Each structure stands twice: as C-alpha cells, then as structure tokens.
Amino acid sequence: MTVPIPADGPGEVLISVRGGSEAYAAWADHPVGRNLRVIVVECVSARSVIVEPFPA
C-alpha cells in the first residue's frame, strides 16, 4: 500500500499486474495503515478497488 486508506476516503495500493505493479485507488470499511498487505475483495472500476487487510 502506498497511501493509507482513511475512514472517509480513498487511499492507494500497488497491485501486481502483468509482471509489474500498478497503483489503484482503494477504499476499505475501516482505516488501513501504510505498508500493510491487503486483499482485493471487489473491483469498483477500471482503477478503483475495495480491499480488506490480509489475514495474518
């Protein structure tokens, strides 16, 4: 994750795509801190996703 996800707006995550990484706007039900692993649970648009923290 490159930009933390606040409670009221988007953050930014890096997603592995075609052998590289691409930045996507990301939303979550709860704030998610920087440099944490997340899992994509829904694709909102071509460049926006809903994420949850990756289970430890």
C-alpha atoms as a PDB file:
ATOM      1  CA  MET A   1       0.000   0.000   0.000  1.00  0.00           C
ATOM      2  CA  THR A   2       1.430   3.379  -0.910  1.00  0.00           C
ATOM      3  CA  VAL A   3      -1.114   5.757   0.657  1.00  0.00           C
ATOM      4  CA  PRO A   4      -3.030   4.831   3.858  1.00  0.00           C
ATOM      5  CA  ILE A   5      -6.777   4.348   3.486  1.00  0.00           C
ATOM      6  CA  PRO A   6      -8.705   6.724   5.784  1.00  0.00           C
ATOM      7  CA  ALA A   7     -12.214   6.070   7.113  1.00  0.00           C
ATOM      8  CA  ASP A   8     -13.788   8.667   4.806  1.00  0.00           C
ATOM      9  CA  GLY A   9     -11.924   8.442   1.523  1.00  0.00           C
ATOM     10  CA  PRO A  10      -9.607   6.551  -0.784  1.00  0.00           C
ATOM     11  CA  GLY A  11      -6.017   5.517  -0.321  1.00  0.00           C
ATOM     12  CA  GLU A  12      -3.760   3.886  -2.877  1.00  0.00           C
ATOM     13  CA  VAL A  13      -2.499   0.328  -3.275  1.00  0.00           C
ATOM     14  CA  LEU A  14       0.017  -1.294  -5.601  1.00  0.00           C
ATOM     15  CA  ILE A  15      -1.292  -4.395  -7.366  1.00  0.00           C
ATOM     16  CA  SER A  16       0.823  -6.868  -9.315  1.00  0.00           C
ATOM     17  CA  VAL A  17      -0.321  -6.752 -12.936  1.00  0.00           C
ATOM     18  CA  ARG A  18       1.339  -8.343 -15.980  1.00  0.00           C
ATOM     19  CA  GLY A  19       4.719  -8.786 -14.300  1.00  0.00           C
ATOM     20  CA  GLY A  20       4.824  -5.275 -12.837  1.00  0.00           C
ATOM     21  CA  SER A  21       2.983  -3.146 -10.275  1.00  0.00           C
ATOM     22  CA  GLU A  22       0.255  -0.599 -10.878  1.00  0.00           C
ATOM     23  CA  ALA A  23      -1.326   1.915  -8.487  1.00  0.00           C
ATOM     24  CA  TYR A  24      -5.067   1.741  -7.835  1.00  0.00           C
ATOM     25  CA  ALA A  25      -7.376   3.943  -5.751  1.00  0.00           C
ATOM     26  CA  ALA A  26      -8.549   1.843  -2.805  1.00  0.00           C
ATOM     27  CA  TRP A  27     -11.392   2.018  -0.293  1.00  0.00           C
ATOM     28  CA  ALA A  28     -11.988  -0.072   2.834  1.00  0.00           C
ATOM     29  CA  ASP A  29     -14.676  -0.390   5.518  1.00  0.00           C
ATOM     30  CA  HIS A  30     -12.119   0.588   8.188  1.00  0.00           C
ATOM     31  CA  PRO A  31      -8.920   2.658   8.035  1.00  0.00           C
ATOM     32  CA  VAL A  32      -5.885   0.698   6.812  1.00  0.00           C
ATOM     33  CA  GLY A  33      -2.347   1.882   7.584  1.00  0.00           C
ATOM     34  CA  ARG A  34       0.568   2.288   5.229  1.00  0.00           C
ATOM     35  CA  ASN A  35       2.819  -0.643   4.238  1.00  0.00           C
ATOM     36  CA  LEU A  36       0.270  -3.327   5.150  1.00  0.00           C
ATOM     37  CA  ARG A  37      -0.711  -6.213   2.910  1.00  0.00           C
ATOM     38  CA  VAL A  38      -4.315  -6.172   1.703  1.00  0.00           C
ATOM     39  CA  ILE A  39      -6.531  -8.389  -0.391  1.00  0.00           C
ATOM     40  CA  VAL A  40      -8.823  -7.054  -3.125  1.00  0.00           C
ATOM     41  CA  VAL A  41     -12.428  -8.068  -2.441  1.00  0.00           C
ATOM     42  CA  GLU A  42     -14.170  -6.057  -5.165  1.00  0.00           C
ATOM     43  CA  CYS A  43     -13.377  -4.106  -8.317  1.00  0.00           C
ATOM     44  CA  VAL A  44     -15.322  -0.821  -8.395  1.00  0.00           C
ATOM     45  CA  SER A  45     -13.987   0.480 -11.712  1.00  0.00           C
ATOM     46  CA  ALA A  46     -11.002   0.045 -14.003  1.00  0.00           C
ATOM     47  CA  ARG A  47      -8.685   1.803 -11.493  1.00  0.00           C
ATOM     48  CA  SER A  48     -10.552   1.508  -8.157  1.00  0.00           C
ATOM     49  CA  VAL A  49     -10.850  -1.405  -5.723  1.00  0.00           C
ATOM     50  CA  ILE A  50     -12.297  -2.332  -2.346  1.00  0.00           C
ATOM     51  CA  VAL A  51      -9.763  -4.005  -0.035  1.00  0.00           C
ATOM     52  CA  GLU A  52      -9.514  -5.689   3.347  1.00  0.00           C
ATOM     53  CA  PRO A  53      -6.411  -6.250   5.467  1.00  0.00           C
ATOM     54  CA  PHE A  54      -4.660  -9.509   4.560  1.00  0.00           C
ATOM     55  CA  PRO A  55      -5.187 -12.097   7.317  1.00  0.00           C
ATOM     56  CA  ALA A  56      -2.048 -12.668   9.382  1.00  0.00           C
END
